[in-house]
Amino acid sequence: MANIFTRKAVGAILADENLTPDEKQERIFGLYGQALDDGYTSKTAAQAALNAAIEQAKADALKGVEKPNVKESDDYKALQAQFDDYKTMQAARTSEDFATVKPKFFETVYGMVDRSDGSKPVPEQLQAIQGKFEEYFTAPKEEAQKTPQFGGETKGSAPTGKTGPSFMDTWGFVPKKQ
């Protein structure tokens, strides 16, 4: 499409003063059609290729050729390995080991952890990573309380009116007897 339908070709058509606007339009669309035909497979050609493939499959089935087992293909095995890795990552996301990792940095930290045989335990690796990348982790609860508090801490509960001195005791109000 790049070699046929170019600015230079369209500009030449538009610059030709002998052509009417409708003829210019038809020539531009003709160039566009040629450009599409360059790498285009027609519907009839695609249908013919499909029919040939079906006939070949029927011939193979009659000869006793076994169907390929999809689960033994390399693509399937790679996809299954990716899915297994995803499941272990999601399980690690909710585990106690990764509880201090900020959610937006979880995948980065998870990728840094070596999970091969003979590697250090995950909590030790996370401590080493936390030493290098402090901003990826949340502060422990003790350190969070050392930060300044803006506003009072809430204690107790809303008054219920059933405890403490009553209105009558405080103001000396005695209700009328009926």
N, C-alpha and C. Protein backbone atom coordinates (compact mmCIF):
# COMPACT_ATOMS: atom_id res chain seq x y z
N MET A 1 0.82 -1.18 0.00
CA MET A 1 0.00 0.00 0.00
C MET A 1 0.87 1.25 0.00
N ALA A 2 2.06 1.14 0.58
CA ALA A 2 2.92 2.31 0.69
C ALA A 2 3.50 2.71 -0.66
N ASN A 3 3.65 1.76 -1.58
CA ASN A 3 4.27 2.08 -2.87
C ASN A 3 3.27 2.60 -3.89
N ILE A 4 2.00 2.31 -3.73
CA ILE A 4 1.00 2.69 -4.72
C ILE A 4 0.23 3.94 -4.30
N PHE A 5 -0.30 3.93 -3.12
CA PHE A 5 -1.17 5.00 -2.64
C PHE A 5 -0.33 5.99 -1.85
N THR A 6 0.35 6.91 -2.56
CA THR A 6 1.26 7.85 -1.92
C THR A 6 0.74 9.27 -2.08
N ARG A 7 1.33 10.18 -1.32
CA ARG A 7 0.97 11.60 -1.44
C ARG A 7 1.30 12.14 -2.83
N LYS A 8 2.42 11.65 -3.36
CA LYS A 8 2.85 12.13 -4.68
C LYS A 8 1.84 11.71 -5.75
N ALA A 9 1.36 10.45 -5.69
CA ALA A 9 0.40 9.97 -6.69
C ALA A 9 -0.94 10.70 -6.55
N VAL A 10 -1.40 10.89 -5.31
CA VAL A 10 -2.67 11.59 -5.09
C VAL A 10 -2.51 13.06 -5.51
N GLY A 11 -1.38 13.66 -5.20
CA GLY A 11 -1.13 15.04 -5.60
C GLY A 11 -1.12 15.22 -7.11
N ALA A 12 -0.57 14.23 -7.84
CA ALA A 12 -0.56 14.31 -9.30
C ALA A 12 -1.98 14.26 -9.86
N ILE A 13 -2.82 13.43 -9.24
CA ILE A 13 -4.21 13.35 -9.70
C ILE A 13 -4.93 14.66 -9.42
N LEU A 14 -4.74 15.21 -8.25
CA LEU A 14 -5.41 16.45 -7.90
C LEU A 14 -4.90 17.63 -8.73
N ALA A 15 -3.65 17.60 -9.15
CA ALA A 15 -3.07 18.70 -9.93
C ALA A 15 -3.48 18.67 -11.40
N ASP A 16 -3.95 17.52 -11.87
CA ASP A 16 -4.34 17.39 -13.28
C ASP A 16 -5.61 18.21 -13.53
N GLU A 17 -5.49 19.29 -14.34
CA GLU A 17 -6.60 20.21 -14.58
C GLU A 17 -7.56 19.71 -15.65
N ASN A 18 -7.17 18.67 -16.38
CA ASN A 18 -8.02 18.13 -17.44
C ASN A 18 -9.12 17.21 -16.90
N LEU A 19 -9.01 16.85 -15.62
CA LEU A 19 -9.97 15.93 -15.03
C LEU A 19 -11.05 16.69 -14.27
N THR A 20 -12.26 16.17 -14.33
CA THR A 20 -13.35 16.75 -13.54
C THR A 20 -13.22 16.25 -12.09
N PRO A 21 -13.90 16.90 -11.16
CA PRO A 21 -13.81 16.43 -9.76
C PRO A 21 -14.24 14.97 -9.59
N ASP A 22 -15.26 14.54 -10.34
CA ASP A 22 -15.68 13.15 -10.24
C ASP A 22 -14.62 12.20 -10.78
N GLU A 23 -13.96 12.56 -11.86
CA GLU A 23 -12.89 11.71 -12.41
C GLU A 23 -11.70 11.65 -11.44
N LYS A 24 -11.38 12.77 -10.81
CA LYS A 24 -10.30 12.77 -9.81
C LYS A 24 -10.64 11.83 -8.66
N GLN A 25 -11.87 11.90 -8.21
CA GLN A 25 -12.31 11.04 -7.12
C GLN A 25 -12.20 9.56 -7.52
N GLU A 26 -12.65 9.23 -8.73
CA GLU A 26 -12.59 7.85 -9.20
C GLU A 26 -11.15 7.36 -9.30
N ARG A 27 -10.24 8.20 -9.78
CA ARG A 27 -8.83 7.79 -9.89
C ARG A 27 -8.20 7.59 -8.51
N ILE A 28 -8.55 8.46 -7.56
CA ILE A 28 -8.00 8.30 -6.19
C ILE A 28 -8.51 7.00 -5.58
N PHE A 29 -9.81 6.72 -5.75
CA PHE A 29 -10.33 5.46 -5.22
C PHE A 29 -9.75 4.26 -5.96
N GLY A 30 -9.44 4.44 -7.23
CA GLY A 30 -8.77 3.37 -7.99
C GLY A 30 -7.40 3.07 -7.42
N LEU A 31 -6.64 4.13 -7.10
CA LEU A 31 -5.32 3.93 -6.46
C LEU A 31 -5.48 3.20 -5.13
N TYR A 32 -6.47 3.61 -4.37
CA TYR A 32 -6.71 2.98 -3.07
C TYR A 32 -7.04 1.50 -3.25
N GLY A 33 -7.87 1.19 -4.23
CA GLY A 33 -8.21 -0.20 -4.50
C GLY A 33 -7.01 -1.02 -4.91
N GLN A 34 -6.13 -0.46 -5.75
CA GLN A 34 -4.91 -1.15 -6.15
C GLN A 34 -4.02 -1.41 -4.93
N ALA A 35 -3.96 -0.43 -4.04
CA ALA A 35 -3.13 -0.60 -2.85
C ALA A 35 -3.68 -1.71 -1.96
N LEU A 36 -5.00 -1.80 -1.85
CA LEU A 36 -5.59 -2.87 -1.05
C LEU A 36 -5.36 -4.24 -1.67
N ASP A 37 -5.42 -4.32 -3.00
CA ASP A 37 -5.21 -5.59 -3.69
C ASP A 37 -3.79 -6.11 -3.53
N ASP A 38 -2.88 -5.22 -3.17
CA ASP A 38 -1.47 -5.60 -3.07
C ASP A 38 -1.26 -6.75 -2.09
N GLY A 39 -1.90 -6.75 -0.92
CA GLY A 39 -1.70 -7.82 0.05
C GLY A 39 -3.01 -8.43 0.49
N TYR A 40 -4.03 -8.28 -0.32
CA TYR A 40 -5.38 -8.67 0.05
C TYR A 40 -5.70 -10.06 -0.49
N THR A 41 -6.33 -10.88 0.34
CA THR A 41 -6.80 -12.18 -0.10
C THR A 41 -8.31 -12.08 -0.26
N SER A 42 -8.77 -12.42 -1.43
CA SER A 42 -10.21 -12.29 -1.68
C SER A 42 -10.97 -13.38 -0.93
N LYS A 43 -12.26 -13.17 -0.80
CA LYS A 43 -13.10 -14.12 -0.08
C LYS A 43 -13.14 -15.46 -0.81
N THR A 44 -13.16 -15.44 -2.12
CA THR A 44 -13.20 -16.69 -2.89
C THR A 44 -11.88 -17.45 -2.74
N ALA A 45 -10.76 -16.73 -2.73
CA ALA A 45 -9.47 -17.41 -2.55
C ALA A 45 -9.35 -18.00 -1.14
N ALA A 46 -9.85 -17.28 -0.16
CA ALA A 46 -9.82 -17.80 1.21
C ALA A 46 -10.73 -19.02 1.34
N GLN A 47 -11.90 -18.98 0.71
CA GLN A 47 -12.81 -20.13 0.76
C GLN A 47 -12.20 -21.34 0.06
N ALA A 48 -11.51 -21.12 -1.05
CA ALA A 48 -10.86 -22.22 -1.76
C ALA A 48 -9.76 -22.84 -0.90
N ALA A 49 -8.99 -22.02 -0.20
CA ALA A 49 -7.95 -22.54 0.68
C ALA A 49 -8.56 -23.31 1.85
N LEU A 50 -9.67 -22.83 2.38
CA LEU A 50 -10.36 -23.52 3.45
C LEU A 50 -10.88 -24.87 3.00
N ASN A 51 -11.50 -24.90 1.83
CA ASN A 51 -12.02 -26.17 1.29
C ASN A 51 -10.90 -27.16 1.06
N ALA A 52 -9.75 -26.70 0.57
CA ALA A 52 -8.60 -27.59 0.35
C ALA A 52 -8.09 -28.15 1.67
N ALA A 53 -8.06 -27.33 2.70
CA ALA A 53 -7.61 -27.80 4.01
C ALA A 53 -8.58 -28.83 4.59
N ILE A 54 -9.87 -28.62 4.39
CA ILE A 54 -10.87 -29.57 4.88
C ILE A 54 -10.73 -30.90 4.15
N GLU A 55 -10.55 -30.84 2.86
CA GLU A 55 -10.38 -32.08 2.08
C GLU A 55 -9.11 -32.81 2.51
N GLN A 56 -8.05 -32.09 2.78
CA GLN A 56 -6.80 -32.71 3.24
C GLN A 56 -7.01 -33.36 4.61
N ALA A 57 -7.75 -32.71 5.48
CA ALA A 57 -8.03 -33.27 6.81
C ALA A 57 -8.87 -34.54 6.69
N LYS A 58 -9.84 -34.54 5.77
CA LYS A 58 -10.64 -35.75 5.56
C LYS A 58 -9.78 -36.89 5.04
N ALA A 59 -8.90 -36.57 4.11
CA ALA A 59 -8.01 -37.61 3.55
C ALA A 59 -7.09 -38.17 4.63
N ASP A 60 -6.57 -37.31 5.48
CA ASP A 60 -5.70 -37.77 6.57
C ASP A 60 -6.47 -38.63 7.56
N ALA A 61 -7.73 -38.28 7.81
CA ALA A 61 -8.54 -39.05 8.75
C ALA A 61 -8.82 -40.45 8.20
N LEU A 62 -9.02 -40.54 6.89
CA LEU A 62 -9.25 -41.85 6.28
C LEU A 62 -7.99 -42.71 6.28
N LYS A 63 -6.83 -42.09 6.23
CA LYS A 63 -5.57 -42.83 6.24
C LYS A 63 -5.19 -43.30 7.64
N GLY A 64 -5.86 -42.80 8.65
CA GLY A 64 -5.56 -43.22 10.01
C GLY A 64 -4.54 -42.34 10.70
N VAL A 65 -4.33 -41.14 10.21
CA VAL A 65 -3.40 -40.21 10.83
C VAL A 65 -4.03 -39.74 12.14
N GLU A 66 -3.27 -39.82 13.22
CA GLU A 66 -3.79 -39.43 14.52
C GLU A 66 -3.92 -37.90 14.62
N LYS A 67 -4.92 -37.50 15.40
CA LYS A 67 -5.09 -36.08 15.66
C LYS A 67 -3.98 -35.63 16.61
N PRO A 68 -3.47 -34.44 16.42
CA PRO A 68 -2.44 -33.97 17.35
C PRO A 68 -3.05 -33.71 18.74
N ASN A 69 -2.30 -34.06 19.77
CA ASN A 69 -2.73 -33.81 21.14
C ASN A 69 -2.30 -32.39 21.51
N VAL A 70 -3.28 -31.54 21.70
CA VAL A 70 -3.01 -30.13 21.95
C VAL A 70 -2.23 -29.95 23.25
N LYS A 71 -2.51 -30.79 24.24
CA LYS A 71 -1.86 -30.64 25.54
C LYS A 71 -0.38 -31.00 25.51
N GLU A 72 0.08 -31.60 24.44
CA GLU A 72 1.50 -31.94 24.32
C GLU A 72 2.27 -30.91 23.50
N SER A 73 1.59 -29.89 23.00
CA SER A 73 2.27 -28.88 22.19
C SER A 73 3.07 -27.94 23.08
N ASP A 74 4.10 -27.34 22.49
CA ASP A 74 4.94 -26.40 23.23
C ASP A 74 4.18 -25.15 23.64
N ASP A 75 3.28 -24.69 22.77
CA ASP A 75 2.48 -23.50 23.09
C ASP A 75 1.60 -23.75 24.31
N TYR A 76 0.98 -24.93 24.36
CA TYR A 76 0.11 -25.25 25.50
C TYR A 76 0.93 -25.34 26.78
N LYS A 77 2.08 -25.98 26.71
CA LYS A 77 2.92 -26.12 27.90
C LYS A 77 3.41 -24.76 28.40
N ALA A 78 3.76 -23.86 27.48
CA ALA A 78 4.21 -22.52 27.87
C ALA A 78 3.06 -21.75 28.51
N LEU A 79 1.87 -21.86 27.93
CA LEU A 79 0.71 -21.16 28.48
C LEU A 79 0.34 -21.73 29.85
N GLN A 80 0.45 -23.03 30.02
CA GLN A 80 0.14 -23.65 31.31
C GLN A 80 1.16 -23.21 32.36
N ALA A 81 2.43 -23.10 31.98
CA ALA A 81 3.45 -22.62 32.92
C ALA A 81 3.18 -21.17 33.34
N GLN A 82 2.76 -20.33 32.38
CA GLN A 82 2.42 -18.95 32.71
C GLN A 82 1.24 -18.89 33.68
N PHE A 83 0.26 -19.73 33.46
CA PHE A 83 -0.91 -19.75 34.33
C PHE A 83 -0.54 -20.23 35.74
N ASP A 84 0.32 -21.25 35.83
CA ASP A 84 0.77 -21.74 37.14
C ASP A 84 1.54 -20.65 37.88
N ASP A 85 2.39 -19.92 37.16
CA ASP A 85 3.12 -18.80 37.77
C ASP A 85 2.16 -17.73 38.27
N TYR A 86 1.14 -17.46 37.50
CA TYR A 86 0.14 -16.46 37.89
C TYR A 86 -0.58 -16.90 39.17
N LYS A 87 -0.95 -18.19 39.25
CA LYS A 87 -1.65 -18.69 40.44
C LYS A 87 -0.75 -18.58 41.68
N THR A 88 0.53 -18.91 41.54
CA THR A 88 1.42 -18.80 42.71
C THR A 88 1.63 -17.34 43.09
N MET A 89 1.66 -16.45 42.11
CA MET A 89 1.81 -15.03 42.42
C MET A 89 0.58 -14.52 43.16
N GLN A 90 -0.61 -14.93 42.76
CA GLN A 90 -1.83 -14.49 43.44
C GLN A 90 -1.90 -15.07 44.85
N ALA A 91 -1.42 -16.29 45.03
CA ALA A 91 -1.38 -16.87 46.38
C ALA A 91 -0.38 -16.11 47.25
N ALA A 92 0.74 -15.68 46.66
CA ALA A 92 1.74 -14.92 47.42
C ALA A 92 1.22 -13.54 47.77
N ARG A 93 0.37 -12.98 46.92
CA ARG A 93 -0.17 -11.63 47.17
C ARG A 93 -0.93 -11.58 48.50
N THR A 94 -1.60 -12.66 48.85
CA THR A 94 -2.37 -12.69 50.09
C THR A 94 -1.63 -13.36 51.24
N SER A 95 -0.39 -13.77 51.03
CA SER A 95 0.34 -14.47 52.08
C SER A 95 0.88 -13.49 53.11
N GLU A 96 1.27 -14.03 54.24
CA GLU A 96 1.80 -13.24 55.35
C GLU A 96 3.17 -12.64 54.99
N ASP A 97 3.94 -13.35 54.17
CA ASP A 97 5.28 -12.88 53.81
C ASP A 97 5.25 -11.54 53.08
N PHE A 98 4.29 -11.36 52.18
CA PHE A 98 4.23 -10.16 51.36
C PHE A 98 3.25 -9.13 51.91
N ALA A 99 2.85 -9.25 53.17
CA ALA A 99 1.85 -8.35 53.75
C ALA A 99 2.34 -6.91 53.83
N THR A 100 3.64 -6.68 53.97
CA THR A 100 4.14 -5.32 54.12
C THR A 100 4.47 -4.66 52.78
N VAL A 101 4.32 -5.40 51.68
CA VAL A 101 4.62 -4.84 50.36
C VAL A 101 3.43 -4.00 49.90
N LYS A 102 3.70 -2.79 49.42
CA LYS A 102 2.63 -1.93 48.89
C LYS A 102 2.05 -2.59 47.65
N PRO A 103 0.73 -2.53 47.46
CA PRO A 103 0.09 -3.22 46.34
C PRO A 103 0.63 -2.82 44.96
N LYS A 104 0.95 -1.54 44.78
CA LYS A 104 1.41 -1.14 43.44
C LYS A 104 2.82 -1.61 43.13
N PHE A 105 3.58 -2.03 44.14
CA PHE A 105 4.93 -2.52 43.92
C PHE A 105 5.02 -4.03 44.08
N PHE A 106 3.88 -4.72 44.26
CA PHE A 106 3.92 -6.14 44.54
C PHE A 106 4.60 -6.93 43.43
N GLU A 107 4.21 -6.70 42.17
CA GLU A 107 4.76 -7.48 41.08
C GLU A 107 6.26 -7.26 40.93
N THR A 108 6.72 -6.04 41.19
CA THR A 108 8.15 -5.76 41.11
C THR A 108 8.90 -6.53 42.19
N VAL A 109 8.40 -6.49 43.41
CA VAL A 109 9.05 -7.19 44.52
C VAL A 109 8.96 -8.69 44.31
N TYR A 110 7.82 -9.17 43.84
CA TYR A 110 7.65 -10.60 43.60
C TYR A 110 8.65 -11.09 42.55
N GLY A 111 8.91 -10.27 41.55
CA GLY A 111 9.89 -10.63 40.53
C GLY A 111 11.32 -10.65 41.06
N MET A 112 11.61 -9.89 42.11
CA MET A 112 12.95 -9.85 42.68
C MET A 112 13.25 -11.08 43.56
N VAL A 113 12.20 -11.73 44.04
CA VAL A 113 12.39 -12.87 44.96
C VAL A 113 12.80 -14.10 44.16
N ASP A 114 13.87 -14.77 44.63
CA ASP A 114 14.36 -15.99 44.01
C ASP A 114 13.62 -17.16 44.63
N ARG A 115 12.87 -17.89 43.80
CA ARG A 115 12.08 -19.00 44.30
C ARG A 115 12.66 -20.35 43.89
N SER A 116 13.89 -20.40 43.43
CA SER A 116 14.49 -21.65 43.00
C SER A 116 14.89 -22.50 44.22
N ASP A 117 15.18 -23.77 43.97
CA ASP A 117 15.59 -24.67 45.04
C ASP A 117 16.93 -24.22 45.60
N GLY A 118 17.06 -24.27 46.92
CA GLY A 118 18.31 -23.90 47.58
C GLY A 118 18.46 -22.41 47.83
N SER A 119 17.46 -21.63 47.50
CA SER A 119 17.56 -20.18 47.73
C SER A 119 17.16 -19.87 49.17
N LYS A 120 17.46 -18.66 49.60
CA LYS A 120 17.13 -18.23 50.96
C LYS A 120 15.62 -18.21 51.14
N PRO A 121 15.15 -18.31 52.38
CA PRO A 121 13.70 -18.20 52.61
C PRO A 121 13.19 -16.82 52.19
N VAL A 122 11.93 -16.78 51.81
CA VAL A 122 11.32 -15.55 51.29
C VAL A 122 11.40 -14.39 52.28
N PRO A 123 11.12 -14.59 53.59
CA PRO A 123 11.21 -13.44 54.51
C PRO A 123 12.61 -12.83 54.57
N GLU A 124 13.66 -13.66 54.49
CA GLU A 124 15.03 -13.12 54.49
C GLU A 124 15.28 -12.31 53.22
N GLN A 125 14.82 -12.83 52.09
CA GLN A 125 15.00 -12.09 50.84
C GLN A 125 14.23 -10.78 50.86
N LEU A 126 13.04 -10.80 51.45
CA LEU A 126 12.25 -9.56 51.51
C LEU A 126 12.92 -8.53 52.40
N GLN A 127 13.59 -8.97 53.48
CA GLN A 127 14.32 -8.01 54.33
C GLN A 127 15.46 -7.37 53.55
N ALA A 128 16.16 -8.18 52.75
CA ALA A 128 17.25 -7.63 51.94
C ALA A 128 16.70 -6.64 50.90
N ILE A 129 15.58 -6.98 50.29
CA ILE A 129 14.98 -6.09 49.29
C ILE A 129 14.49 -4.81 49.97
N GLN A 130 13.94 -4.94 51.17
CA GLN A 130 13.45 -3.76 51.89
C GLN A 130 14.59 -2.83 52.25
N GLY A 131 15.77 -3.39 52.49
CA GLY A 131 16.94 -2.55 52.76
C GLY A 131 17.32 -1.70 51.56
N LYS A 132 17.15 -2.23 50.37
CA LYS A 132 17.51 -1.50 49.15
C LYS A 132 16.37 -0.61 48.64
N PHE A 133 15.14 -1.10 48.75
CA PHE A 133 13.99 -0.39 48.19
C PHE A 133 12.96 -0.16 49.29
N GLU A 134 13.23 0.76 50.16
CA GLU A 134 12.38 1.04 51.31
C GLU A 134 10.99 1.54 50.90
N GLU A 135 10.91 2.26 49.78
CA GLU A 135 9.64 2.85 49.37
C GLU A 135 8.64 1.82 48.86
N TYR A 136 9.07 0.58 48.62
CA TYR A 136 8.17 -0.47 48.16
C TYR A 136 7.38 -1.10 49.30
N PHE A 137 7.72 -0.79 50.53
CA PHE A 137 7.12 -1.45 51.68
C PHE A 137 6.40 -0.45 52.57
N THR A 138 5.40 -0.94 53.29
CA THR A 138 4.70 -0.10 54.26
C THR A 138 5.45 -0.16 55.58
N ALA A 139 5.27 0.87 56.39
CA ALA A 139 5.94 0.92 57.69
C ALA A 139 5.25 -0.04 58.64
N PRO A 140 6.01 -0.68 59.52
CA PRO A 140 5.36 -1.52 60.54
C PRO A 140 4.46 -0.68 61.42
N LYS A 141 3.55 -1.32 62.14
CA LYS A 141 2.55 -0.62 62.93
C LYS A 141 3.16 0.27 64.01
N GLU A 142 4.27 -0.15 64.64
CA GLU A 142 4.88 0.65 65.70
C GLU A 142 5.39 1.98 65.15
N GLU A 143 6.00 1.95 63.98
CA GLU A 143 6.53 3.17 63.39
C GLU A 143 5.41 4.08 62.90
N ALA A 144 4.31 3.50 62.49
CA ALA A 144 3.21 4.31 61.99
C ALA A 144 2.60 5.15 63.11
N GLN A 145 2.66 4.68 64.36
CA GLN A 145 2.09 5.43 65.46
C GLN A 145 3.01 6.55 65.92
N LYS A 146 4.26 6.54 65.51
CA LYS A 146 5.19 7.60 65.90
C LYS A 146 5.01 8.86 65.05
N THR A 147 4.27 8.75 63.99
CA THR A 147 4.05 9.91 63.14
C THR A 147 3.07 10.85 63.81
N PRO A 148 3.10 12.14 63.48
CA PRO A 148 2.19 13.09 64.12
C PRO A 148 0.73 12.79 63.79
N GLN A 149 -0.12 13.00 64.78
CA GLN A 149 -1.55 12.78 64.60
C GLN A 149 -2.24 14.15 64.51
N PHE A 150 -3.11 14.31 63.55
CA PHE A 150 -3.85 15.54 63.39
C PHE A 150 -5.30 15.26 63.77
N GLY A 151 -5.69 15.68 64.94
CA GLY A 151 -7.03 15.41 65.43
C GLY A 151 -6.94 14.44 66.60
N GLY A 152 -7.96 14.44 67.39
CA GLY A 152 -7.96 13.60 68.59
C GLY A 152 -8.27 12.16 68.26
N GLU A 153 -7.79 11.30 69.13
CA GLU A 153 -8.05 9.89 68.99
C GLU A 153 -9.43 9.62 69.55
N THR A 154 -10.21 8.80 68.90
CA THR A 154 -11.56 8.52 69.37
C THR A 154 -11.52 7.45 70.45
N LYS A 155 -12.22 7.72 71.54
CA LYS A 155 -12.31 6.79 72.66
C LYS A 155 -13.75 6.75 73.13
N GLY A 156 -14.15 5.63 73.65
CA GLY A 156 -15.49 5.53 74.21
C GLY A 156 -16.54 5.35 73.15
N SER A 157 -17.79 5.69 73.53
CA SER A 157 -18.90 5.54 72.60
C SER A 157 -19.86 6.70 72.78
N ALA A 158 -20.86 6.74 71.93
CA ALA A 158 -21.87 7.80 72.00
C ALA A 158 -22.71 7.61 73.26
N PRO A 159 -23.21 8.70 73.88
CA PRO A 159 -24.01 8.56 75.09
C PRO A 159 -25.34 7.86 74.81
N THR A 160 -25.72 7.00 75.76
CA THR A 160 -26.97 6.26 75.60
C THR A 160 -28.08 6.80 76.49
N GLY A 161 -27.70 7.53 77.56
CA GLY A 161 -28.68 8.07 78.46
C GLY A 161 -29.06 7.11 79.57
N LYS A 162 -28.49 5.95 79.60
CA LYS A 162 -28.84 4.96 80.60
C LYS A 162 -27.81 4.86 81.71
N THR A 163 -26.71 5.55 81.56
CA THR A 163 -25.67 5.51 82.59
C THR A 163 -25.41 6.93 83.08
N GLY A 164 -24.86 7.06 84.28
CA GLY A 164 -24.52 8.35 84.82
C GLY A 164 -25.72 9.07 85.40
N PRO A 165 -25.56 10.32 85.80
CA PRO A 165 -26.66 11.05 86.42
C PRO A 165 -27.75 11.35 85.39
N SER A 166 -28.98 11.29 85.83
CA SER A 166 -30.08 11.54 84.92
C SER A 166 -30.38 13.04 84.88
N PHE A 167 -31.26 13.44 84.00
CA PHE A 167 -31.68 14.83 83.87
C PHE A 167 -32.35 15.31 85.16
N MET A 168 -33.14 14.43 85.72
CA MET A 168 -33.86 14.79 86.94
C MET A 168 -32.89 15.01 88.09
N ASP A 169 -31.87 14.16 88.20
CA ASP A 169 -30.91 14.31 89.29
C ASP A 169 -30.11 15.60 89.13
N THR A 170 -29.76 15.94 87.91
CA THR A 170 -28.92 17.10 87.66
C THR A 170 -29.69 18.39 87.86
N TRP A 171 -30.91 18.53 87.35
CA TRP A 171 -31.66 19.78 87.37
C TRP A 171 -32.76 19.83 88.44
N GLY A 172 -32.94 18.77 89.13
CA GLY A 172 -33.94 18.76 90.17
C GLY A 172 -35.35 18.71 89.63
N PHE A 173 -35.58 18.17 88.50
CA PHE A 173 -36.89 18.10 87.91
C PHE A 173 -37.63 16.89 88.48
N VAL A 174 -38.83 17.12 88.91
CA VAL A 174 -39.65 16.03 89.42
C VAL A 174 -40.90 15.98 88.56
N PRO A 175 -41.17 14.87 87.91
CA PRO A 175 -42.34 14.78 87.04
C PRO A 175 -43.63 14.76 87.85
N LYS A 176 -44.70 15.25 87.24
CA LYS A 176 -46.02 15.25 87.88
C LYS A 176 -46.55 13.84 87.93
N LYS A 177 -47.28 13.58 89.01
CA LYS A 177 -47.92 12.28 89.14
C LYS A 177 -49.33 12.39 88.61
N GLN A 178 -49.80 11.43 87.94
CA GLN A 178 -51.15 11.47 87.40
C GLN A 178 -52.11 10.66 88.17
